[in-house]
Amino acid sequence: MFTLLVCNAAFFLFFGTTNETLDATAWLVLLALFELETGFGERFRGRFPSVAIRATRLAAAGAVCAAAIGYAVQNEWLDAVNAGLWIAVVVLLEFEVRSPGAVARHRTWFTATAATLYGGLGALVLVWAWRREWFDAYDAALWLTAFAMIELDVLRLSRGKVAVD
């Protein structure tokens, strides 16, 4: 999955707009950091200074926001809505990772919110396909699949933390 996302970002680097390149690269960095933090936990944090990790995450998050604003300014509304939904998904994932107890207490709300966000992202895949914008549909479906897999990992991880606490 990660290899496909790297190829996807490379495609945008060579053939995409500045917003698409910034967007794809920043999301790839955020995904890599998120996977390293959740998958390798303390081993990852022990090797890299937390200041460097935070600075990289902040820079990537800023790039994502800049790309989202760029999409809106250029009237690329599907891309702008897509970016907004993804930002909301990441906020939700961050909360799930950092506050598993709160998530466990409000599981229904978190599940409904995640389903709504992912449903919106899935609808965008269908819109791009309907408009015959095949690469955009593929790109959106690829990211949707990657984050759905992360969401499942986060849920498994948060349930384990709550059980231990």
C-alpha atoms as a PDB file:
ATOM      1  CA  MET A   1       0.000   0.000   0.000  1.00  0.00           C
ATOM      2  CA  PHE A   2       2.753   2.421   0.975  1.00  0.00           C
ATOM      3  CA  THR A   3       4.602   1.742  -2.288  1.00  0.00           C
ATOM      4  CA  LEU A   4       1.487   2.643  -4.289  1.00  0.00           C
ATOM      5  CA  LEU A   5       1.162   5.887  -2.329  1.00  0.00           C
ATOM      6  CA  VAL A   6       4.831   6.747  -2.992  1.00  0.00           C
ATOM      7  CA  CYS A   7       4.287   6.109  -6.718  1.00  0.00           C
ATOM      8  CA  ASN A   8       1.163   8.233  -6.537  1.00  0.00           C
ATOM      9  CA  ALA A   9       3.084  11.140  -4.975  1.00  0.00           C
ATOM     10  CA  ALA A  10       5.813  10.751  -7.611  1.00  0.00           C
ATOM     11  CA  PHE A  11       3.184  10.981 -10.342  1.00  0.00           C
ATOM     12  CA  PHE A  12       1.946  14.281  -8.909  1.00  0.00           C
ATOM     13  CA  LEU A  13       5.522  15.510  -8.571  1.00  0.00           C
ATOM     14  CA  PHE A  14       6.134  15.014 -12.285  1.00  0.00           C
ATOM     15  CA  PHE A  15       2.685  15.569 -13.789  1.00  0.00           C
ATOM     16  CA  GLY A  16       0.521  17.329 -11.200  1.00  0.00           C
ATOM     17  CA  THR A  17      -0.102  20.885 -10.148  1.00  0.00           C
ATOM     18  CA  THR A  18       1.795  22.512  -7.300  1.00  0.00           C
ATOM     19  CA  ASN A  19      -1.211  21.965  -5.007  1.00  0.00           C
ATOM     20  CA  GLU A  20      -1.442  18.283  -5.926  1.00  0.00           C
ATOM     21  CA  THR A  21       2.278  17.756  -5.358  1.00  0.00           C
ATOM     22  CA  LEU A  22       2.222  19.582  -2.028  1.00  0.00           C
ATOM     23  CA  ASP A  23      -0.916  17.737  -0.953  1.00  0.00           C
ATOM     24  CA  ALA A  24       0.273  14.234  -1.898  1.00  0.00           C
ATOM     25  CA  THR A  25       3.759  14.689  -0.449  1.00  0.00           C
ATOM     26  CA  ALA A  26       2.536  16.185   2.828  1.00  0.00           C
ATOM     27  CA  TRP A  27      -0.040  13.432   3.315  1.00  0.00           C
ATOM     28  CA  LEU A  28       2.612  10.818   2.606  1.00  0.00           C
ATOM     29  CA  VAL A  29       4.865  12.322   5.290  1.00  0.00           C
ATOM     30  CA  LEU A  30       1.994  12.449   7.784  1.00  0.00           C
ATOM     31  CA  LEU A  31       1.031   8.865   7.004  1.00  0.00           C
ATOM     32  CA  ALA A  32       4.622   7.653   7.411  1.00  0.00           C
ATOM     33  CA  LEU A  33       5.004   9.435  10.753  1.00  0.00           C
ATOM     34  CA  PHE A  34       1.647   8.169  11.969  1.00  0.00           C
ATOM     35  CA  GLU A  35       2.484   4.592  11.006  1.00  0.00           C
ATOM     36  CA  LEU A  36       5.903   4.814  12.662  1.00  0.00           C
ATOM     37  CA  GLU A  37       4.448   6.262  15.853  1.00  0.00           C
ATOM     38  CA  THR A  38       1.571   3.799  16.135  1.00  0.00           C
ATOM     39  CA  GLY A  39       3.356   0.758  14.745  1.00  0.00           C
ATOM     40  CA  PHE A  40       6.710   1.138  16.456  1.00  0.00           C
ATOM     41  CA  GLY A  41       5.744   3.225  19.479  1.00  0.00           C
ATOM     42  CA  GLU A  42       8.563   3.793  21.915  1.00  0.00           C
ATOM     43  CA  ARG A  43      11.232   2.310  19.629  1.00  0.00           C
ATOM     44  CA  PHE A  44      10.482   5.050  17.085  1.00  0.00           C
ATOM     45  CA  ARG A  45      10.208   7.881  19.615  1.00  0.00           C
ATOM     46  CA  GLY A  46      13.429   6.794  21.290  1.00  0.00           C
ATOM     47  CA  ARG A  47      15.452   7.132  18.082  1.00  0.00           C
ATOM     48  CA  PHE A  48      14.251  10.544  16.962  1.00  0.00           C
ATOM     49  CA  PRO A  49      13.957  13.682  19.085  1.00  0.00           C
ATOM     50  CA  SER A  50      10.302  14.482  19.725  1.00  0.00           C
ATOM     51  CA  VAL A  51      10.977  18.081  18.677  1.00  0.00           C
ATOM     52  CA  ALA A  52      12.020  16.891  15.201  1.00  0.00           C
ATOM     53  CA  ILE A  53       8.937  14.691  14.908  1.00  0.00           C
ATOM     54  CA  ARG A  54       6.633  17.502  15.985  1.00  0.00           C
ATOM     55  CA  ALA A  55       8.316  19.987  13.643  1.00  0.00           C
ATOM     56  CA  THR A  56       7.993  17.594  10.710  1.00  0.00           C
ATOM     57  CA  ARG A  57       4.346  16.890  11.520  1.00  0.00           C
ATOM     58  CA  LEU A  58       3.622  20.596  11.896  1.00  0.00           C
ATOM     59  CA  ALA A  59       5.293  21.406   8.566  1.00  0.00           C
ATOM     60  CA  ALA A  60       3.371  18.612   6.803  1.00  0.00           C
ATOM     61  CA  ALA A  61       0.093  19.696   8.406  1.00  0.00           C
ATOM     62  CA  GLY A  62       0.772  23.262   7.295  1.00  0.00           C
ATOM     63  CA  ALA A  63       1.421  22.019   3.762  1.00  0.00           C
ATOM     64  CA  VAL A  64      -1.871  20.092   3.774  1.00  0.00           C
ATOM     65  CA  CYS A  65      -3.750  23.199   4.894  1.00  0.00           C
ATOM     66  CA  ALA A  66      -1.954  25.339   2.295  1.00  0.00           C
ATOM     67  CA  ALA A  67      -2.921  22.864  -0.439  1.00  0.00           C
ATOM     68  CA  ALA A  68      -6.556  22.845   0.766  1.00  0.00           C
ATOM     69  CA  ILE A  69      -6.643  26.645   0.649  1.00  0.00           C
ATOM     70  CA  GLY A  70      -5.014  26.536  -2.787  1.00  0.00           C
ATOM     71  CA  TYR A  71      -7.722  24.197  -4.050  1.00  0.00           C
ATOM     72  CA  ALA A  72     -10.433  26.544  -2.788  1.00  0.00           C
ATOM     73  CA  VAL A  73      -8.742  29.620  -4.273  1.00  0.00           C
ATOM     74  CA  GLN A  74      -8.459  27.864  -7.636  1.00  0.00           C
ATOM     75  CA  ASN A  75     -12.124  26.756  -7.469  1.00  0.00           C
ATOM     76  CA  GLU A  76     -11.174  23.081  -7.366  1.00  0.00           C
ATOM     77  CA  TRP A  77     -14.065  22.334  -5.023  1.00  0.00           C
ATOM     78  CA  LEU A  78     -13.962  18.550  -5.098  1.00  0.00           C
ATOM     79  CA  ASP A  79     -10.302  18.670  -4.092  1.00  0.00           C
ATOM     80  CA  ALA A  80     -11.047  21.286  -1.410  1.00  0.00           C
ATOM     81  CA  VAL A  81     -13.885  19.210   0.067  1.00  0.00           C
ATOM     82  CA  ASN A  82     -11.684  16.107  -0.116  1.00  0.00           C
ATOM     83  CA  ALA A  83      -8.896  17.914   1.750  1.00  0.00           C
ATOM     84  CA  GLY A  84     -11.316  19.154   4.402  1.00  0.00           C
ATOM     85  CA  LEU A  85     -12.707  15.671   4.993  1.00  0.00           C
ATOM     86  CA  TRP A  86      -9.192  14.230   5.263  1.00  0.00           C
ATOM     87  CA  ILE A  87      -8.185  16.883   7.766  1.00  0.00           C
ATOM     88  CA  ALA A  88     -11.228  15.927   9.853  1.00  0.00           C
ATOM     89  CA  VAL A  89     -10.285  12.218   9.604  1.00  0.00           C
ATOM     90  CA  VAL A  90      -6.767  12.945  10.867  1.00  0.00           C
ATOM     91  CA  VAL A  91      -8.094  15.031  13.764  1.00  0.00           C
ATOM     92  CA  LEU A  92     -10.349  12.109  14.689  1.00  0.00           C
ATOM     93  CA  LEU A  93      -7.490   9.588  14.398  1.00  0.00           C
ATOM     94  CA  GLU A  94      -5.211  11.758  16.526  1.00  0.00           C
ATOM     95  CA  PHE A  95      -7.863  11.928  19.201  1.00  0.00           C
ATOM     96  CA  GLU A  96      -8.394   8.162  19.049  1.00  0.00           C
ATOM     97  CA  VAL A  97      -4.664   7.510  19.480  1.00  0.00           C
ATOM     98  CA  ARG A  98      -4.064  10.096  22.209  1.00  0.00           C
ATOM     99  CA  SER A  99      -7.287   9.611  24.227  1.00  0.00           C
ATOM    100  CA  PRO A 100      -8.374   5.967  23.998  1.00  0.00           C
ATOM    101  CA  GLY A 101     -10.328   6.164  27.261  1.00  0.00           C
ATOM    102  CA  ALA A 102     -12.516   8.999  25.989  1.00  0.00           C
ATOM    103  CA  VAL A 103     -13.015   7.150  22.721  1.00  0.00           C
ATOM    104  CA  ALA A 104     -14.083   4.018  24.594  1.00  0.00           C
ATOM    105  CA  ARG A 105     -16.613   6.013  26.627  1.00  0.00           C
ATOM    106  CA  HIS A 106     -18.074   7.607  23.484  1.00  0.00           C
ATOM    107  CA  ARG A 107     -17.562   4.744  21.044  1.00  0.00           C
ATOM    108  CA  THR A 108     -20.906   5.248  19.277  1.00  0.00           C
ATOM    109  CA  TRP A 109     -20.180   8.913  18.545  1.00  0.00           C
ATOM    110  CA  PHE A 110     -16.658   8.184  17.274  1.00  0.00           C
ATOM    111  CA  THR A 111     -17.878   5.315  15.112  1.00  0.00           C
ATOM    112  CA  ALA A 112     -20.678   7.413  13.617  1.00  0.00           C
ATOM    113  CA  THR A 113     -18.319  10.328  12.951  1.00  0.00           C
ATOM    114  CA  ALA A 114     -15.730   8.072  11.310  1.00  0.00           C
ATOM    115  CA  ALA A 115     -18.427   6.393   9.184  1.00  0.00           C
ATOM    116  CA  THR A 116     -19.738   9.790   8.066  1.00  0.00           C
ATOM    117  CA  LEU A 117     -16.275  11.075   7.137  1.00  0.00           C
ATOM    118  CA  TYR A 118     -15.286   7.901   5.299  1.00  0.00           C
ATOM    119  CA  GLY A 119     -18.700   7.821   3.611  1.00  0.00           C
ATOM    120  CA  GLY A 120     -18.137  11.360   2.350  1.00  0.00           C
ATOM    121  CA  LEU A 121     -14.715  10.387   1.041  1.00  0.00           C
ATOM    122  CA  GLY A 122     -16.216   7.327  -0.639  1.00  0.00           C
ATOM    123  CA  ALA A 123     -18.850   9.525  -2.275  1.00  0.00           C
ATOM    124  CA  LEU A 124     -16.065  11.698  -3.712  1.00  0.00           C
ATOM    125  CA  VAL A 125     -14.490   8.601  -5.288  1.00  0.00           C
ATOM    126  CA  LEU A 126     -17.820   7.941  -7.005  1.00  0.00           C
ATOM    127  CA  VAL A 127     -18.154  11.571  -8.125  1.00  0.00           C
ATOM    128  CA  TRP A 128     -14.690  11.528  -9.698  1.00  0.00           C
ATOM    129  CA  ALA A 129     -15.487   8.218 -11.407  1.00  0.00           C
ATOM    130  CA  TRP A 130     -18.821   9.590 -12.645  1.00  0.00           C
ATOM    131  CA  ARG A 131     -16.967  12.593 -14.085  1.00  0.00           C
ATOM    132  CA  ARG A 132     -14.501  10.151 -15.703  1.00  0.00           C
ATOM    133  CA  GLU A 133     -11.603  11.639 -13.784  1.00  0.00           C
ATOM    134  CA  TRP A 134     -10.105   8.187 -13.373  1.00  0.00           C
ATOM    135  CA  PHE A 135      -6.786   9.083 -11.788  1.00  0.00           C
ATOM    136  CA  ASP A 136      -8.507  11.283  -9.198  1.00  0.00           C
ATOM    137  CA  ALA A 137     -10.925   8.434  -8.433  1.00  0.00           C
ATOM    138  CA  TYR A 138      -8.018   5.983  -8.132  1.00  0.00           C
ATOM    139  CA  ASP A 139      -6.034   8.401  -5.947  1.00  0.00           C
ATOM    140  CA  ALA A 140      -8.982   8.968  -3.619  1.00  0.00           C
ATOM    141  CA  ALA A 141      -9.753   5.245  -3.388  1.00  0.00           C
ATOM    142  CA  LEU A 142      -6.110   4.447  -2.649  1.00  0.00           C
ATOM    143  CA  TRP A 143      -5.924   6.941   0.220  1.00  0.00           C
ATOM    144  CA  LEU A 144      -9.307   5.832   1.510  1.00  0.00           C
ATOM    145  CA  THR A 145      -8.095   2.236   1.648  1.00  0.00           C
ATOM    146  CA  ALA A 146      -4.838   3.217   3.362  1.00  0.00           C
ATOM    147  CA  PHE A 147      -6.580   5.244   6.052  1.00  0.00           C
ATOM    148  CA  ALA A 148      -9.299   2.644   6.585  1.00  0.00           C
ATOM    149  CA  MET A 149      -6.515   0.161   7.344  1.00  0.00           C
ATOM    150  CA  ILE A 150      -4.953   2.653   9.761  1.00  0.00           C
ATOM    151  CA  GLU A 151      -8.323   3.251  11.404  1.00  0.00           C
ATOM    152  CA  LEU A 152      -8.673  -0.485  12.019  1.00  0.00           C
ATOM    153  CA  ASP A 153      -5.171  -0.567  13.540  1.00  0.00           C
ATOM    154  CA  VAL A 154      -5.937   2.443  15.735  1.00  0.00           C
ATOM    155  CA  LEU A 155      -9.171   0.887  16.963  1.00  0.00           C
ATOM    156  CA  ARG A 156      -7.314  -2.321  17.807  1.00  0.00           C
ATOM    157  CA  LEU A 157      -4.570  -0.339  19.534  1.00  0.00           C
ATOM    158  CA  SER A 158      -6.990   1.865  21.511  1.00  0.00           C
ATOM    159  CA  ARG A 159      -9.021  -1.135  22.676  1.00  0.00           C
ATOM    160  CA  GLY A 160      -5.809  -2.742  23.918  1.00  0.00           C
ATOM    161  CA  LYS A 161      -4.804   0.394  25.832  1.00  0.00           C
ATOM    162  CA  VAL A 162      -8.239   0.712  27.433  1.00  0.00           C
ATOM    163  CA  ALA A 163      -8.164  -2.977  28.432  1.00  0.00           C
ATOM    164  CA  VAL A 164      -4.738  -2.484  30.049  1.00  0.00           C
ATOM    165  CA  ASP A 165      -5.796   0.720  31.845  1.00  0.00           C
END
